[in-house]
Structure formats: structure tokens, C-alpha cells
């Protein structure tokens, strides 16, 4: 995932959108549940508790392929 971020930022925004859409379609084709609905807005609160299960510290890349300020983002969810 880190490599796609580094590569995509070298291109203009319109090209980035096409590349990320292709990335999402590839993940859908692979049957990954997180990409089942493509770019449809959805909350995935189960991801918020994942770090609590880790035994060793890890670096977290926050807000990759998400939109914290999307018009459908619930204010209470964002600031809770």
C-alpha cells in the first residue's frame, strides 16, 4: 500500500483518480471485502480498535483512501 501512495503522488490529480480506481477494481477482483463497494462512502469502525490487538508498536498511515470531511461523514463519529 505504501508503494502505491508514493507512485500516485507523482501524477496529476486526474491521473491519480484513474490509478486509484484501477487499484480498487483490482482489489475487488481479488475478493477483498474492504473493496467490495469500490469508492462508495462507508464507515469501518472495526478498524479503530485494531491497534489494541498489536503486541508490538507499529507505524500507522492515517487517512489513506478515506475522506474525513466527506459530506456523509457523521459529525459525532468524527469527533467522538
N, C-alpha and C. Protein backbone atom coordinates (compact mmCIF):
# COMPACT_ATOMS: atom_id res chain seq x y z
N UNK A 1 0.82 -1.19 0.00
CA UNK A 1 0.00 0.00 0.00
C UNK A 1 0.86 1.25 0.00
N UNK A 2 1.95 1.23 0.73
CA UNK A 2 2.82 2.40 0.77
C UNK A 2 3.36 2.71 -0.62
N UNK A 3 3.69 1.69 -1.38
CA UNK A 3 4.27 1.92 -2.70
C UNK A 3 3.29 2.59 -3.65
N UNK A 4 2.00 2.24 -3.58
CA UNK A 4 1.02 2.88 -4.46
C UNK A 4 0.90 4.35 -4.12
N UNK A 5 0.98 4.71 -2.84
CA UNK A 5 0.90 6.12 -2.44
C UNK A 5 2.07 6.91 -3.00
N UNK A 6 3.24 6.36 -2.94
CA UNK A 6 4.42 7.05 -3.43
C UNK A 6 4.37 7.23 -4.94
N UNK A 7 3.89 6.25 -5.63
CA UNK A 7 3.84 6.32 -7.09
C UNK A 7 2.75 7.28 -7.55
N UNK A 8 1.59 7.21 -6.96
CA UNK A 8 0.45 8.01 -7.40
C UNK A 8 0.70 9.50 -7.22
N UNK A 9 1.36 9.92 -6.17
CA UNK A 9 1.56 11.35 -5.92
C UNK A 9 2.43 12.01 -6.97
N UNK A 10 3.07 11.26 -7.83
CA UNK A 10 3.92 11.83 -8.88
C UNK A 10 3.12 12.24 -10.11
N UNK A 11 1.82 11.98 -10.11
CA UNK A 11 0.99 12.25 -11.28
C UNK A 11 -0.04 13.33 -10.97
N UNK A 12 -0.58 13.98 -12.01
CA UNK A 12 -1.63 14.99 -11.81
C UNK A 12 -2.87 14.36 -11.17
N UNK A 13 -3.70 15.16 -10.48
CA UNK A 13 -4.87 14.62 -9.78
C UNK A 13 -5.79 13.76 -10.64
N UNK A 14 -6.04 14.15 -11.89
CA UNK A 14 -6.94 13.36 -12.75
C UNK A 14 -6.37 11.96 -12.99
N UNK A 15 -5.09 11.87 -13.16
CA UNK A 15 -4.44 10.57 -13.37
C UNK A 15 -4.45 9.77 -12.07
N UNK A 16 -4.28 10.43 -10.95
CA UNK A 16 -4.31 9.75 -9.66
C UNK A 16 -5.66 9.06 -9.45
N UNK A 17 -6.75 9.74 -9.82
CA UNK A 17 -8.08 9.18 -9.65
C UNK A 17 -8.23 7.91 -10.48
N UNK A 18 -7.77 7.96 -11.72
CA UNK A 18 -7.85 6.78 -12.59
C UNK A 18 -7.02 5.64 -12.02
N UNK A 19 -5.82 5.94 -11.53
CA UNK A 19 -4.94 4.90 -10.98
C UNK A 19 -5.57 4.27 -9.73
N UNK A 20 -6.13 5.10 -8.85
CA UNK A 20 -6.72 4.57 -7.63
C UNK A 20 -8.00 3.79 -7.91
N UNK A 21 -8.75 4.21 -8.92
CA UNK A 21 -9.94 3.45 -9.32
C UNK A 21 -9.52 2.06 -9.81
N UNK A 22 -8.48 2.01 -10.63
CA UNK A 22 -7.96 0.73 -11.12
C UNK A 22 -7.48 -0.12 -9.94
N UNK A 23 -6.79 0.49 -8.99
CA UNK A 23 -6.32 -0.21 -7.79
C UNK A 23 -7.51 -0.82 -7.04
N UNK A 24 -8.59 -0.03 -6.89
CA UNK A 24 -9.77 -0.51 -6.20
C UNK A 24 -10.42 -1.67 -6.94
N UNK A 25 -10.52 -1.54 -8.27
CA UNK A 25 -11.12 -2.62 -9.06
C UNK A 25 -10.30 -3.90 -8.98
N UNK A 26 -8.98 -3.76 -8.94
CA UNK A 26 -8.11 -4.94 -8.78
C UNK A 26 -8.36 -5.61 -7.44
N UNK A 27 -8.53 -4.81 -6.39
CA UNK A 27 -8.79 -5.36 -5.06
C UNK A 27 -10.17 -6.03 -5.01
N UNK A 28 -11.15 -5.44 -5.71
CA UNK A 28 -12.48 -6.06 -5.78
C UNK A 28 -12.38 -7.42 -6.47
N UNK A 29 -11.64 -7.45 -7.56
CA UNK A 29 -11.47 -8.70 -8.32
C UNK A 29 -10.79 -9.78 -7.48
N UNK A 30 -9.93 -9.34 -6.55
CA UNK A 30 -9.24 -10.29 -5.68
C UNK A 30 -10.15 -10.78 -4.55
N UNK A 31 -11.35 -10.19 -4.44
CA UNK A 31 -12.31 -10.63 -3.44
C UNK A 31 -12.09 -10.06 -2.05
N UNK A 32 -11.37 -8.94 -1.94
CA UNK A 32 -11.13 -8.33 -0.63
C UNK A 32 -12.38 -7.58 -0.16
N UNK A 33 -12.92 -7.93 1.01
CA UNK A 33 -14.18 -7.34 1.48
C UNK A 33 -14.17 -5.82 1.60
N UNK A 34 -13.05 -5.23 1.98
CA UNK A 34 -12.99 -3.78 2.16
C UNK A 34 -13.20 -3.02 0.86
N UNK A 35 -13.00 -3.68 -0.27
CA UNK A 35 -13.14 -3.04 -1.57
C UNK A 35 -14.40 -3.50 -2.30
N UNK A 36 -15.28 -4.21 -1.61
CA UNK A 36 -16.48 -4.77 -2.23
C UNK A 36 -17.35 -3.71 -2.89
N UNK A 37 -17.45 -2.54 -2.25
CA UNK A 37 -18.31 -1.47 -2.77
C UNK A 37 -17.51 -0.38 -3.46
N UNK A 38 -16.27 -0.63 -3.81
CA UNK A 38 -15.46 0.37 -4.51
C UNK A 38 -15.26 1.63 -3.70
N UNK A 39 -15.57 2.76 -4.32
CA UNK A 39 -15.36 4.05 -3.65
C UNK A 39 -16.60 4.58 -2.95
N UNK A 40 -17.61 3.74 -2.76
CA UNK A 40 -18.81 4.17 -2.04
C UNK A 40 -18.43 4.53 -0.60
N UNK A 41 -18.97 5.65 -0.10
CA UNK A 41 -18.66 6.09 1.26
C UNK A 41 -19.22 5.11 2.27
N UNK A 42 -18.39 4.72 3.23
CA UNK A 42 -18.83 3.83 4.31
C UNK A 42 -17.88 3.99 5.50
N UNK A 43 -18.42 3.78 6.67
CA UNK A 43 -17.60 3.82 7.88
C UNK A 43 -17.17 2.40 8.21
N UNK A 44 -15.96 2.27 8.73
CA UNK A 44 -15.46 0.96 9.13
C UNK A 44 -14.88 1.07 10.55
N UNK A 45 -15.76 1.23 11.54
CA UNK A 45 -15.31 1.46 12.91
C UNK A 45 -14.49 0.31 13.49
N UNK A 46 -14.63 -0.90 12.95
CA UNK A 46 -13.86 -2.04 13.47
C UNK A 46 -12.35 -1.82 13.28
N UNK A 47 -11.98 -0.96 12.35
CA UNK A 47 -10.56 -0.69 12.14
C UNK A 47 -9.96 0.17 13.26
N UNK A 48 -10.81 0.91 13.97
CA UNK A 48 -10.32 1.80 15.03
C UNK A 48 -9.73 1.04 16.21
N UNK A 49 -10.19 -0.18 16.43
CA UNK A 49 -9.71 -0.95 17.58
C UNK A 49 -8.57 -1.90 17.24
N UNK A 50 -8.23 -2.01 15.98
CA UNK A 50 -7.17 -2.95 15.56
C UNK A 50 -5.84 -2.73 16.30
N UNK A 51 -5.38 -1.49 16.49
CA UNK A 51 -4.08 -1.31 17.16
C UNK A 51 -4.04 -1.87 18.59
N UNK A 52 -5.18 -1.99 19.24
CA UNK A 52 -5.20 -2.53 20.60
C UNK A 52 -4.80 -4.00 20.65
N UNK A 53 -4.90 -4.69 19.53
CA UNK A 53 -4.55 -6.11 19.50
C UNK A 53 -3.09 -6.36 19.13
N UNK A 54 -2.37 -5.33 18.73
CA UNK A 54 -0.98 -5.49 18.32
C UNK A 54 -0.08 -5.69 19.54
N UNK A 55 0.86 -6.60 19.42
CA UNK A 55 1.78 -6.90 20.52
C UNK A 55 2.99 -5.96 20.53
N UNK A 56 3.35 -5.43 19.36
CA UNK A 56 4.50 -4.52 19.27
C UNK A 56 4.06 -3.22 18.59
N UNK A 57 4.72 -2.11 18.88
CA UNK A 57 4.38 -0.84 18.24
C UNK A 57 4.53 -0.93 16.71
N UNK A 58 3.65 -0.26 16.01
CA UNK A 58 3.70 -0.22 14.55
C UNK A 58 3.38 1.18 14.06
N UNK A 59 3.91 1.54 12.90
CA UNK A 59 3.60 2.82 12.31
C UNK A 59 2.26 2.70 11.59
N UNK A 60 1.43 3.73 11.73
CA UNK A 60 0.10 3.73 11.12
C UNK A 60 0.03 4.89 10.14
N UNK A 61 -0.35 4.58 8.91
CA UNK A 61 -0.58 5.61 7.90
C UNK A 61 -2.06 5.96 7.96
N UNK A 62 -2.37 7.12 8.46
CA UNK A 62 -3.75 7.50 8.73
C UNK A 62 -4.37 8.21 7.52
N UNK A 63 -5.63 7.86 7.25
CA UNK A 63 -6.45 8.54 6.26
C UNK A 63 -6.08 8.22 4.82
N UNK A 64 -5.50 7.08 4.57
CA UNK A 64 -5.23 6.67 3.21
C UNK A 64 -6.53 6.22 2.56
N UNK A 65 -6.83 6.78 1.40
CA UNK A 65 -8.04 6.44 0.65
C UNK A 65 -9.31 6.64 1.49
N UNK A 66 -9.35 7.69 2.27
CA UNK A 66 -10.55 7.99 3.02
C UNK A 66 -10.82 9.48 2.95
N UNK A 67 -11.96 9.89 3.43
CA UNK A 67 -12.33 11.29 3.36
C UNK A 67 -12.97 11.70 4.68
N UNK A 68 -12.16 12.21 5.58
CA UNK A 68 -12.62 12.61 6.91
C UNK A 68 -13.67 13.72 6.84
N UNK A 69 -13.61 14.53 5.80
CA UNK A 69 -14.54 15.65 5.68
C UNK A 69 -15.58 15.45 4.58
N UNK A 70 -15.86 14.19 4.26
CA UNK A 70 -16.89 13.86 3.27
C UNK A 70 -18.24 14.36 3.76
N UNK A 71 -19.10 14.79 2.84
CA UNK A 71 -20.41 15.33 3.22
C UNK A 71 -21.27 14.32 3.97
N UNK A 72 -21.03 13.03 3.80
CA UNK A 72 -21.80 12.00 4.50
C UNK A 72 -21.18 11.57 5.83
N UNK A 73 -20.03 12.13 6.18
CA UNK A 73 -19.37 11.79 7.44
C UNK A 73 -20.16 12.39 8.61
N UNK A 74 -20.53 11.53 9.53
CA UNK A 74 -21.27 11.95 10.70
C UNK A 74 -20.36 12.76 11.63
N UNK A 75 -20.82 13.95 12.01
CA UNK A 75 -20.03 14.84 12.86
C UNK A 75 -19.67 14.16 14.18
N UNK A 76 -20.62 13.50 14.80
CA UNK A 76 -20.36 12.84 16.09
C UNK A 76 -19.34 11.72 15.96
N UNK A 77 -19.37 11.01 14.85
CA UNK A 77 -18.40 9.93 14.63
C UNK A 77 -17.00 10.51 14.49
N UNK A 78 -16.88 11.61 13.76
CA UNK A 78 -15.60 12.24 13.51
C UNK A 78 -14.96 12.77 14.80
N UNK A 79 -15.76 13.35 15.67
CA UNK A 79 -15.22 14.00 16.87
C UNK A 79 -15.46 13.22 18.16
N UNK A 80 -15.81 11.97 18.07
CA UNK A 80 -16.03 11.19 19.31
C UNK A 80 -14.74 10.57 19.78
